[in-house]
Protein backbone atom coordinates (compact mmCIF):
# COMPACT_ATOMS: atom_id res chain seq x y z
CA UNK A 1 135.14 140.42 153.07
CA UNK A 2 134.55 140.54 156.78
CA UNK A 3 137.85 140.77 158.71
CA UNK A 4 138.60 138.36 161.54
CA UNK A 5 138.44 141.22 164.04
CA UNK A 6 135.01 142.34 162.82
CA UNK A 7 133.71 138.77 162.69
CA UNK A 8 135.03 138.16 166.20
CA UNK A 9 133.44 141.35 167.51
CA UNK A 10 130.11 140.41 165.91
CA UNK A 11 130.30 137.03 167.57
CA UNK A 12 131.25 138.63 170.87
CA UNK A 13 128.31 141.06 170.69
CA UNK A 14 125.84 138.22 170.12
CA UNK A 15 127.49 136.08 172.78
CA UNK A 16 127.43 138.89 175.31
CA UNK A 17 123.82 139.58 174.33
CA UNK A 18 123.10 135.94 175.17
CA UNK A 19 124.97 136.16 178.45
CA UNK A 20 123.42 139.45 179.58
CA UNK A 21 119.92 138.45 178.48
CA UNK A 22 119.86 134.79 179.46
CA UNK A 23 122.05 135.14 182.52
CA UNK A 24 120.27 138.33 183.46
CA UNK A 25 117.02 136.39 183.46
CA UNK A 26 118.71 133.66 185.48
CA UNK A 27 119.96 136.18 188.04
CA UNK A 28 116.47 137.63 188.40
CA UNK A 29 114.97 134.14 188.72
CA UNK A 30 117.59 133.18 191.31
CA UNK A 31 116.70 136.25 193.35
CA UNK A 32 112.97 135.45 193.06
CA UNK A 33 113.54 131.83 194.06
CA UNK A 34 115.40 133.05 197.13
CA UNK A 35 112.09 134.43 198.44
CA UNK A 36 110.40 131.03 198.22
CA UNK A 37 113.30 128.67 198.92
CA UNK A 38 115.53 128.29 201.96
CA UNK A 39 119.34 128.15 202.18
CA UNK A 40 118.88 124.42 202.89
CA UNK A 41 117.22 123.94 199.47
CA UNK A 42 120.20 125.56 197.76
CA UNK A 43 122.47 123.51 200.00
CA UNK A 44 120.95 120.26 198.70
CA UNK A 45 121.51 121.43 195.12
CA UNK A 46 125.09 122.37 196.02
CA UNK A 47 125.75 118.84 197.26
CA UNK A 48 124.69 117.41 193.89
CA UNK A 49 126.30 119.92 191.54
CA UNK A 50 129.85 118.64 191.92
CA UNK A 51 128.90 115.10 190.89
CA UNK A 52 126.67 116.19 188.01
CA UNK A 53 129.45 118.49 186.78
CA UNK A 54 131.95 115.62 186.85
CA UNK A 55 129.52 113.43 184.89
CA UNK A 56 129.07 116.26 182.36
CA UNK A 57 132.84 116.60 181.96
CA UNK A 58 133.10 112.86 181.24
CA UNK A 59 130.30 113.15 178.68
CA UNK A 60 132.06 115.96 176.81
CA UNK A 61 135.61 114.57 177.22
CA UNK A 62 137.07 117.51 175.29
CA UNK A 63 135.43 116.55 171.96
CA UNK A 64 133.85 119.97 171.57
CA UNK A 65 137.18 121.79 171.86
CA UNK A 66 138.84 119.22 169.62
CA UNK A 67 136.22 119.82 166.91
CA UNK A 68 136.58 123.59 167.16
CA UNK A 69 140.33 123.60 166.64
CA UNK A 70 140.40 121.11 163.73
CA UNK A 71 141.63 123.03 160.63
CA UNK A 72 139.18 121.14 158.42
CA UNK A 73 136.39 119.29 160.25
CA UNK A 74 134.49 116.79 158.09
CA UNK A 75 131.07 115.19 158.45
CA UNK A 76 132.83 112.05 159.64
CA UNK A 77 134.53 114.03 162.42
CA UNK A 78 131.22 115.50 163.57
CA UNK A 79 129.52 112.09 163.42
CA UNK A 80 132.32 110.48 165.42
CA UNK A 81 132.18 113.11 168.16
CA UNK A 82 128.37 112.97 168.27
CA UNK A 83 128.15 109.20 168.79
CA UNK A 84 131.02 109.30 171.29
CA UNK A 85 129.22 111.97 173.33
CA UNK A 86 125.95 110.00 173.36
CA UNK A 87 127.67 106.83 174.55
CA UNK A 88 129.72 108.69 177.15
CA UNK A 89 126.59 110.55 178.30
CA UNK A 90 124.73 107.30 178.94
CA UNK A 91 127.73 105.78 180.74
CA UNK A 92 128.14 108.93 182.85
CA UNK A 93 124.48 108.86 183.89
CA UNK A 94 124.58 105.16 184.79
CA UNK A 95 127.63 105.76 186.99
CA UNK A 96 125.85 108.69 188.63
CA UNK A 97 122.69 106.60 189.14
CA UNK A 98 124.66 103.80 190.79
CA UNK A 99 126.70 106.19 192.95
CA UNK A 100 123.68 108.11 194.31
CA UNK A 101 123.29 106.01 197.51
CA UNK A 102 127.00 106.39 198.31
CA UNK A 103 126.85 110.15 197.78
CA UNK A 104 123.80 110.37 200.02
CA UNK A 105 125.60 108.30 202.63
CA UNK A 106 128.65 110.57 202.52
CA UNK A 107 126.52 113.62 203.30
CA UNK A 108 124.15 111.63 205.55
CA UNK A 109 121.26 113.01 203.49
CA UNK A 110 118.83 110.35 202.23
CA UNK A 111 116.93 112.77 199.97
CA UNK A 112 119.92 113.04 197.66
CA UNK A 113 119.39 109.57 196.15
CA UNK A 114 116.25 110.49 194.21
CA UNK A 115 117.39 114.07 193.60
CA UNK A 116 120.65 112.98 191.96
CA UNK A 117 119.02 110.28 189.84
CA UNK A 118 116.51 112.75 188.41
CA UNK A 119 118.85 115.74 188.05
CA UNK A 120 121.51 113.55 186.42
CA UNK A 121 119.32 113.17 183.31
CA UNK A 122 120.65 116.59 182.29
CA UNK A 123 123.93 114.88 181.31
CA UNK A 124 122.22 112.77 178.63
CA UNK A 125 120.19 115.74 177.37
CA UNK A 126 123.31 117.90 177.04
CA UNK A 127 125.09 115.18 175.06
CA UNK A 128 122.88 116.09 172.11
CA UNK A 129 124.12 119.70 172.19
CA UNK A 130 127.90 119.27 172.00
CA UNK A 131 128.38 118.89 168.24
CA UNK A 132 125.73 121.52 167.45
CA UNK A 133 127.55 124.05 169.62
CA UNK A 134 130.93 123.08 168.17
CA UNK A 135 129.67 123.62 164.63
CA UNK A 136 128.19 127.02 165.50
CA UNK A 137 131.33 128.07 167.36
CA UNK A 138 133.54 127.18 164.40
CA UNK A 139 131.45 129.53 162.28
CA UNK A 140 131.40 132.17 165.05
CA UNK A 141 127.63 131.97 164.75
CA UNK A 142 126.51 132.96 168.23
CA UNK A 143 123.28 134.52 167.01
CA UNK A 144 121.74 131.05 166.58
CA UNK A 145 123.00 130.04 170.03
CA UNK A 146 121.20 133.08 171.44
CA UNK A 147 117.98 131.99 169.71
CA UNK A 148 118.21 128.65 171.49
CA UNK A 149 119.22 129.92 174.92
CA UNK A 150 116.68 132.74 175.25
CA UNK A 151 113.42 130.72 175.10
CA UNK A 152 115.02 128.06 177.31
CA UNK A 153 115.78 130.61 180.00
CA UNK A 154 112.24 131.99 179.89
CA UNK A 155 110.45 128.63 180.02
CA UNK A 156 112.72 127.14 182.69
CA UNK A 157 112.30 130.31 184.78
CA UNK A 158 108.51 130.10 184.64
CA UNK A 159 108.55 126.43 185.63
CA UNK A 160 110.99 127.00 188.51
CA UNK A 161 109.18 130.01 189.95
CA UNK A 162 105.78 128.26 189.74
CA UNK A 163 107.10 125.14 191.46
CA UNK A 164 108.88 127.15 194.16
CA UNK A 165 105.71 129.15 194.82
CA UNK A 166 103.71 125.91 195.12
CA UNK A 167 106.12 124.59 197.73
CA UNK A 168 108.16 122.03 195.77
CA UNK A 169 111.40 123.24 197.39
CA UNK A 170 114.65 122.01 195.83
CA UNK A 171 112.71 120.28 193.02
CA UNK A 172 112.08 123.75 191.55
CA UNK A 173 115.85 124.16 191.06
CA UNK A 174 116.16 120.71 189.47
CA UNK A 175 113.21 121.38 187.16
CA UNK A 176 114.84 124.64 186.05
CA UNK A 177 118.02 122.75 185.14
CA UNK A 178 116.26 120.01 183.19
CA UNK A 179 113.78 122.22 181.33
CA UNK A 180 116.52 124.62 180.27
CA UNK A 181 118.72 121.82 178.91
CA UNK A 182 115.80 120.17 177.07
CA UNK A 183 114.54 123.38 175.43
CA UNK A 184 118.04 124.42 174.31
CA UNK A 185 118.57 120.99 172.75
CA UNK A 186 115.16 121.12 171.07
CA UNK A 187 115.81 124.60 169.62
CA UNK A 188 119.25 123.68 168.30
CA UNK A 189 117.96 120.61 166.48
CA UNK A 190 114.86 122.40 165.22
CA UNK A 191 117.09 124.95 163.42
CA UNK A 192 118.70 122.12 161.42
CA UNK A 193 122.26 123.27 162.00
CA UNK A 194 123.66 119.80 161.45
CA UNK A 195 122.36 116.27 161.12
CA UNK A 196 124.31 113.05 161.80
CA UNK A 197 124.83 110.28 159.30
CA UNK A 198 125.94 106.72 159.99
CA UNK A 199 129.60 107.23 159.02
CA UNK A 200 132.31 107.46 161.66
CA UNK A 201 136.05 106.93 161.92
CA UNK A 202 138.21 105.20 164.50
CA UNK A 203 141.17 107.36 163.40
CA UNK A 204 139.12 110.52 163.90
CA UNK A 205 138.01 109.28 167.32
CA UNK A 206 141.60 108.58 168.35
CA UNK A 207 142.85 111.93 167.04
CA UNK A 208 140.19 113.96 168.86
CA UNK A 209 140.44 111.84 171.99
CA UNK A 210 144.23 112.27 172.13
CA UNK A 211 143.68 116.01 172.26
CA UNK A 212 140.45 115.99 174.26
CA UNK A 213 141.17 113.54 177.06
CA UNK A 214 143.77 115.88 178.56
CA UNK A 215 141.21 118.67 178.52
CA UNK A 216 138.75 116.25 180.15
CA UNK A 217 141.20 115.45 182.93
CA UNK A 218 141.89 119.18 183.32
CA UNK A 219 138.16 119.87 183.42
CA UNK A 220 137.73 117.07 185.95
CA UNK A 221 140.38 118.63 188.18
CA UNK A 222 138.90 122.09 187.75
CA UNK A 223 135.34 120.90 188.43
CA UNK A 224 136.36 118.94 191.47
CA UNK A 225 138.44 121.83 192.71
CA UNK A 226 135.74 124.48 192.25
CA UNK A 227 133.18 122.34 194.03
CA UNK A 228 135.39 120.89 196.74
CA UNK A 229 134.73 123.97 198.86
CA UNK A 230 131.00 123.22 198.86
CA UNK A 231 131.71 119.57 199.64
CA UNK A 232 133.92 120.52 202.60
CA UNK A 233 131.45 123.13 203.91
CA UNK A 234 128.45 120.80 203.55
CA UNK A 235 130.31 117.95 205.25
CA UNK A 236 131.95 119.89 208.10
CA UNK A 237 129.37 122.60 208.78
CA UNK A 238 125.65 122.65 207.92
CA UNK A 239 123.46 122.32 204.84
CA UNK A 240 122.22 125.90 205.38
CA UNK A 241 125.76 127.33 205.46
CA UNK A 242 126.55 125.34 202.32
CA UNK A 243 123.42 126.87 200.77
CA UNK A 244 124.52 130.43 201.65
CA UNK A 245 127.97 129.77 200.20
CA UNK A 246 126.53 128.13 197.08
CA UNK A 247 124.06 130.97 196.57
CA UNK A 248 126.83 133.59 196.69
CA UNK A 249 129.00 131.47 194.39
CA UNK A 250 126.09 131.08 191.96
CA UNK A 251 125.66 134.86 191.76
CA UNK A 252 129.39 135.26 191.14
CA UNK A 253 129.31 132.55 188.48
CA UNK A 254 126.35 134.11 186.70
CA UNK A 255 128.02 137.51 186.63
CA UNK A 256 131.72 136.69 186.20
CA UNK A 257 132.26 133.17 184.85
CA UNK A 258 129.57 133.46 182.21
CA UNK A 259 130.98 136.68 180.76
CA UNK A 260 134.49 135.21 180.75
CA UNK A 261 133.01 132.14 179.08
CA UNK A 262 131.41 134.37 176.44
CA UNK A 263 134.77 135.93 175.63
CA UNK A 264 136.45 132.52 175.49
CA UNK A 265 133.76 130.99 173.29
CA UNK A 266 134.35 133.68 170.68
CA UNK A 267 138.12 134.19 170.90
CA UNK A 268 139.00 130.48 170.94
CA UNK A 269 137.62 129.58 167.49
CA UNK A 270 138.63 132.99 166.09
CA UNK A 271 142.23 132.85 167.28
CA UNK A 272 142.50 129.13 166.49
CA UNK A 273 142.65 130.23 162.84
CA UNK A 274 145.93 132.02 163.67
CA UNK A 275 147.63 129.07 165.40
CA UNK A 276 150.27 128.90 162.65
CA UNK A 277 151.04 132.65 162.88
CA UNK A 278 152.60 133.31 166.34
CA UNK A 279 153.14 137.04 165.80
CA UNK A 280 149.51 137.74 164.84
CA UNK A 281 148.35 135.36 167.56
CA UNK A 282 150.26 137.31 170.19
CA UNK A 283 148.83 140.61 168.99
CA UNK A 284 145.37 139.10 169.06
CA UNK A 285 145.78 137.96 172.66
CA UNK A 286 147.20 141.32 173.73
CA UNK A 287 144.05 142.99 172.46
CA UNK A 288 141.82 140.36 174.06
CA UNK A 289 143.47 140.76 177.48
CA UNK A 290 143.41 144.56 177.30
CA UNK A 291 139.75 144.89 176.27
CA UNK A 292 138.46 142.02 178.43
CA UNK A 293 140.11 143.22 181.63
CA UNK A 294 139.10 146.82 180.89
CA UNK A 295 135.45 145.71 181.01
CA UNK A 296 135.52 142.94 183.61
CA UNK A 297 137.79 144.38 186.31
CA UNK A 298 135.42 147.25 187.17
CA UNK A 299 132.36 144.99 186.87
CA UNK A 300 133.77 142.48 189.37
CA UNK A 301 135.20 145.01 191.82
CA UNK A 302 132.18 147.33 191.77
CA UNK A 303 129.87 144.38 192.50
CA UNK A 304 132.11 143.50 195.44
CA UNK A 305 131.97 147.09 196.69
CA UNK A 306 128.17 147.28 196.48
CA UNK A 307 127.33 143.68 197.46
CA UNK A 308 125.89 144.57 200.87
CA UNK A 309 123.44 147.11 199.46
CA UNK A 310 122.49 144.73 196.62
CA UNK A 311 121.63 141.94 199.06
CA UNK A 312 119.77 144.24 201.46
CA UNK A 313 117.68 145.68 198.64
CA UNK A 314 116.90 142.55 196.65
CA UNK A 315 116.87 139.63 199.08
CA UNK A 316 115.18 138.53 202.31
CA UNK A 317 117.19 138.90 205.51
CA UNK A 318 117.93 135.14 205.66
CA UNK A 319 120.33 135.61 202.71
CA UNK A 320 122.18 138.73 203.93
CA UNK A 321 125.16 136.85 205.46
CA UNK A 322 126.03 135.65 201.95
CA UNK A 323 126.87 139.23 200.84
CA UNK A 324 130.24 139.11 202.59
CA UNK A 325 130.92 135.73 201.01
CA UNK A 326 130.23 137.28 197.59
CA UNK A 327 132.63 140.16 198.28
CA UNK A 328 135.49 137.77 199.06
CA UNK A 329 134.58 135.58 196.07
CA UNK A 330 134.78 138.59 193.77
CA UNK A 331 138.26 139.40 195.08
CA UNK A 332 139.24 135.78 194.47
CA UNK A 333 137.72 135.96 190.98
CA UNK A 334 139.15 139.25 189.77
CA UNK A 335 142.05 137.51 187.99
CA UNK A 336 139.80 134.88 186.36
CA UNK A 337 139.75 136.73 182.99
CA UNK A 338 143.56 136.72 182.89
CA UNK A 339 143.77 133.07 183.94
CA UNK A 340 141.23 132.08 181.29
CA UNK A 341 142.99 133.90 178.46
CA UNK A 342 146.41 132.44 179.31
CA UNK A 343 144.94 128.93 179.36
CA UNK A 344 143.11 129.70 176.12
CA UNK A 345 146.50 130.13 174.44
CA UNK A 346 147.43 126.54 175.30
CA UNK A 347 144.19 125.21 173.83
CA UNK A 348 144.56 127.20 170.61
CA UNK A 349 148.08 125.84 170.11
CA UNK A 350 146.93 122.29 170.86
CA UNK A 351 149.03 121.97 174.03
CA UNK A 352 146.45 120.15 176.10
CA UNK A 353 149.34 118.29 177.76
CA UNK A 354 150.64 121.54 179.27
CA UNK A 355 147.06 122.54 180.13
CA UNK A 356 146.68 119.35 182.17
CA UNK A 357 150.08 119.74 183.82
CA UNK A 358 149.24 123.28 184.91
CA UNK A 359 145.91 122.16 186.36
CA UNK A 360 147.67 119.49 188.44
CA UNK A 361 150.17 122.02 189.82
CA UNK A 362 147.56 124.69 190.63
CA UNK A 363 145.06 122.31 192.15
CA UNK A 364 147.73 120.73 194.33
CA UNK A 365 148.58 124.15 195.71
CA UNK A 366 144.88 124.96 196.18
CA UNK A 367 144.22 121.72 198.07
CA UNK A 368 147.17 122.42 200.36
CA UNK A 369 145.80 125.91 201.07
CA UNK A 370 142.32 124.47 201.74
CA UNK A 371 143.74 121.94 204.22
CA UNK A 372 145.17 124.88 206.16
CA UNK A 373 142.35 127.39 205.69
CA UNK A 374 139.28 125.27 206.55
CA UNK A 375 140.32 125.35 210.20
CA UNK A 376 139.37 129.04 210.21
CA UNK A 377 135.82 128.47 208.99
CA UNK A 378 134.17 129.69 205.78
CA UNK A 379 135.92 133.07 205.91
CA UNK A 380 139.26 131.31 206.14
CA UNK A 381 138.34 129.15 203.13
CA UNK A 382 137.44 132.24 201.09
CA UNK A 383 140.66 134.06 201.99
CA UNK A 384 142.48 130.90 200.94
CA UNK A 385 140.75 131.16 197.55
CA UNK A 386 142.12 134.68 197.09
CA UNK A 387 145.65 133.47 197.85
CA UNK A 388 145.22 130.51 195.46
CA UNK A 389 144.08 132.77 192.63
CA UNK A 390 147.08 135.09 192.98
CA UNK A 391 149.54 132.19 193.14
CA UNK A 392 147.92 130.54 190.09
CA UNK A 393 148.78 133.48 187.83
CA UNK A 394 152.47 132.66 187.60
CA UNK A 395 152.15 129.08 186.29
CA UNK A 396 149.24 130.11 184.04
CA UNK A 397 151.28 132.84 182.38
CA UNK A 398 154.60 130.93 182.23
CA UNK A 399 153.88 129.13 178.96
CA UNK A 400 152.49 132.26 177.31
CA UNK A 401 156.04 133.56 177.22
CA UNK A 402 157.46 130.31 175.91
CA UNK A 403 154.83 129.74 173.22
CA UNK A 404 154.02 133.22 171.88
CA UNK A 405 156.57 135.43 173.67
CA UNK A 406 153.97 137.13 175.87
CA UNK A 407 155.68 137.33 179.30
CA UNK A 408 154.23 138.38 182.67
CA UNK A 409 155.87 141.81 182.49
CA UNK A 410 154.15 142.57 179.18
CA UNK A 411 150.83 141.22 180.40
CA UNK A 412 151.01 143.39 183.52
CA UNK A 413 151.59 146.41 181.32
CA UNK A 414 148.41 145.54 179.41
CA UNK A 415 146.06 144.97 182.36
CA UNK A 416 147.56 146.38 185.59
CA UNK A 417 146.51 150.03 184.97
CA UNK A 418 142.86 148.92 184.60
CA UNK A 419 143.09 146.81 187.75
CA UNK A 420 144.58 149.64 189.83
CA UNK A 421 142.06 152.17 188.54
CA UNK A 422 139.06 149.89 189.14
CA UNK A 423 140.43 148.79 192.53
CA UNK A 424 140.98 152.35 193.73
CA UNK A 425 137.48 153.44 192.70
CA UNK A 426 136.02 150.24 194.21
CA UNK A 427 137.58 151.00 197.61
CA UNK A 428 136.14 154.53 197.59
CA UNK A 429 132.69 153.24 196.61
CA UNK A 430 132.80 150.57 199.35
CA UNK A 431 133.70 153.23 201.95
CA UNK A 432 130.94 155.56 200.74
CA UNK A 433 128.40 152.72 200.87
CA UNK A 434 129.26 152.10 204.53
CA UNK A 435 129.40 155.79 205.46
CA UNK A 436 126.23 157.05 203.77
CA UNK A 437 122.98 156.54 205.66
CA UNK A 438 120.83 156.60 202.51
CA UNK A 439 118.23 154.03 201.45
CA UNK A 440 119.87 151.09 199.68
CA UNK A 441 118.06 151.84 196.41
CA UNK A 442 119.42 155.39 196.29
CA UNK A 443 122.91 154.28 197.28
CA UNK A 444 123.01 151.68 194.51
CA UNK A 445 121.91 154.07 191.77
CA UNK A 446 124.12 156.97 192.83
CA UNK A 447 127.25 154.98 193.70
CA UNK A 448 127.03 152.69 190.65
CA UNK A 449 126.69 155.73 188.35
CA UNK A 450 129.54 157.47 190.17
CA UNK A 451 131.79 154.39 189.90
CA UNK A 452 131.23 153.90 186.16
CA UNK A 453 131.65 157.62 185.41
CA UNK A 454 134.84 157.85 187.47
CA UNK A 455 136.24 154.76 185.74
CA UNK A 456 135.59 155.99 182.20
CA UNK A 457 136.88 159.48 182.97
CA UNK A 458 139.91 158.04 184.74
CA UNK A 459 140.68 155.77 181.77
CA UNK A 460 140.42 158.76 179.44
CA UNK A 461 142.65 160.98 181.60
CA UNK A 462 145.25 158.22 181.94
CA UNK A 463 145.01 157.52 178.20
CA UNK A 464 144.62 153.79 178.77
CA UNK A 465 145.32 151.78 175.65
CA UNK A 466 142.44 149.45 176.45
CA UNK A 467 139.92 152.30 176.16
CA UNK A 468 141.31 153.19 172.75
CA UNK A 469 141.09 149.54 171.62
CA UNK A 470 137.51 149.22 172.78
CA UNK A 471 136.52 152.44 170.99
CA UNK A 472 138.28 151.33 167.80
CA UNK A 473 136.57 147.92 167.76
CA UNK A 474 133.15 149.51 168.23
CA UNK A 475 133.77 152.14 165.54
CA UNK A 476 135.00 149.48 163.10
CA UNK A 477 131.95 147.38 163.86
CA UNK A 478 129.61 150.31 163.20
CA UNK A 479 131.39 151.19 159.97
CA UNK A 480 131.21 147.56 158.85
CA UNK A 481 127.50 147.46 159.61
CA UNK A 482 126.91 150.72 157.75
CA UNK A 483 128.82 149.44 154.74
């Protein structure tokens, strides 16, 4: 019988394969689009994203997470969530449609009315995916998710690049969003993962909503918070500056958030099976934090160190100012894996009330910091993000001690050595990048290889427990496959 660890690792491998393949394609497409589109085009998309994200959060309303953590989910539960998502998706789109003129008026940008009304259709399309993804996640079946996401990324990329080349501007970005969502939905339903019937239950709806609505409110806060920077920049500065900021943030999201999301998508349903066993749950999270941070800390910090060379090599000069934005964003995002895992514990244990309370506290602090930092321009806003991320760790980790006896001191023991090692190497690489007068292509290859080699050797010399865990998981996976 396949152990939970092996099943989780298999799911993680497929999920990471999806992220690296699909998101890798998306990164390449984003870089290609940058040659044909202007910062203003990305700025227009940035203005819309916050409102479309809020509508998407309302459509989901936490039903997906509620389905995943149900000990025994029935056909009635899936039906109930499915119909609820469709209704909420339609309501969300109608609200977005009606609000489009007001949003355009806020930004003083008339083009946004039509753009929002067309782009908002993605909310209804995605409503047909929620239950399918929940069912696959419960089974840790991320191979099928990969089969849906891969063709969607290819087709949407071809459409977007063609439209950008033909001069459609921001409509290329909207087409990419819509085509991707439609193809994913089509592929999921074509594979006959699940089909709805007419049965549903008011009790099931109430039960899932009681858990999910707190996650929805938390998601609403998080979405509004993540996008409020773009809103402030677009309102107070220029559309082009908002586009540069949004472009850098999109690169960070594709590289960092999506990998963290991959880890969460696998560990949440896997560890949800241990919610009644606090000792095993704690051990599971210790391993997740150790292995995740061992991989992601160097990835994030090395990208920050080499951002200038990456932008100079791959992008037109009009985008180069965004490289410094990306560096600061990476520093602000380095603790994201730790934040995500601590919040994951609350979801697994069904404490969406605490999840919501934490979001209110953290976002209040972040808004206060933004009120102070925006006076110092975009750089001030980004430094404020770094401060917010550091301050957010304490409330995020507080309940981990109370619920599974995993305090800050123990967490620091598990991830701080990796952070210090990756940070030290990152500083050296950043200095070498600035000092060496080599072509950017040569600098990237040599310094990236040097950074990775130094990190692995350093982890081996320091006998980091995370390296041992990663090796053990891979060996166990290979043995399981061979058997």
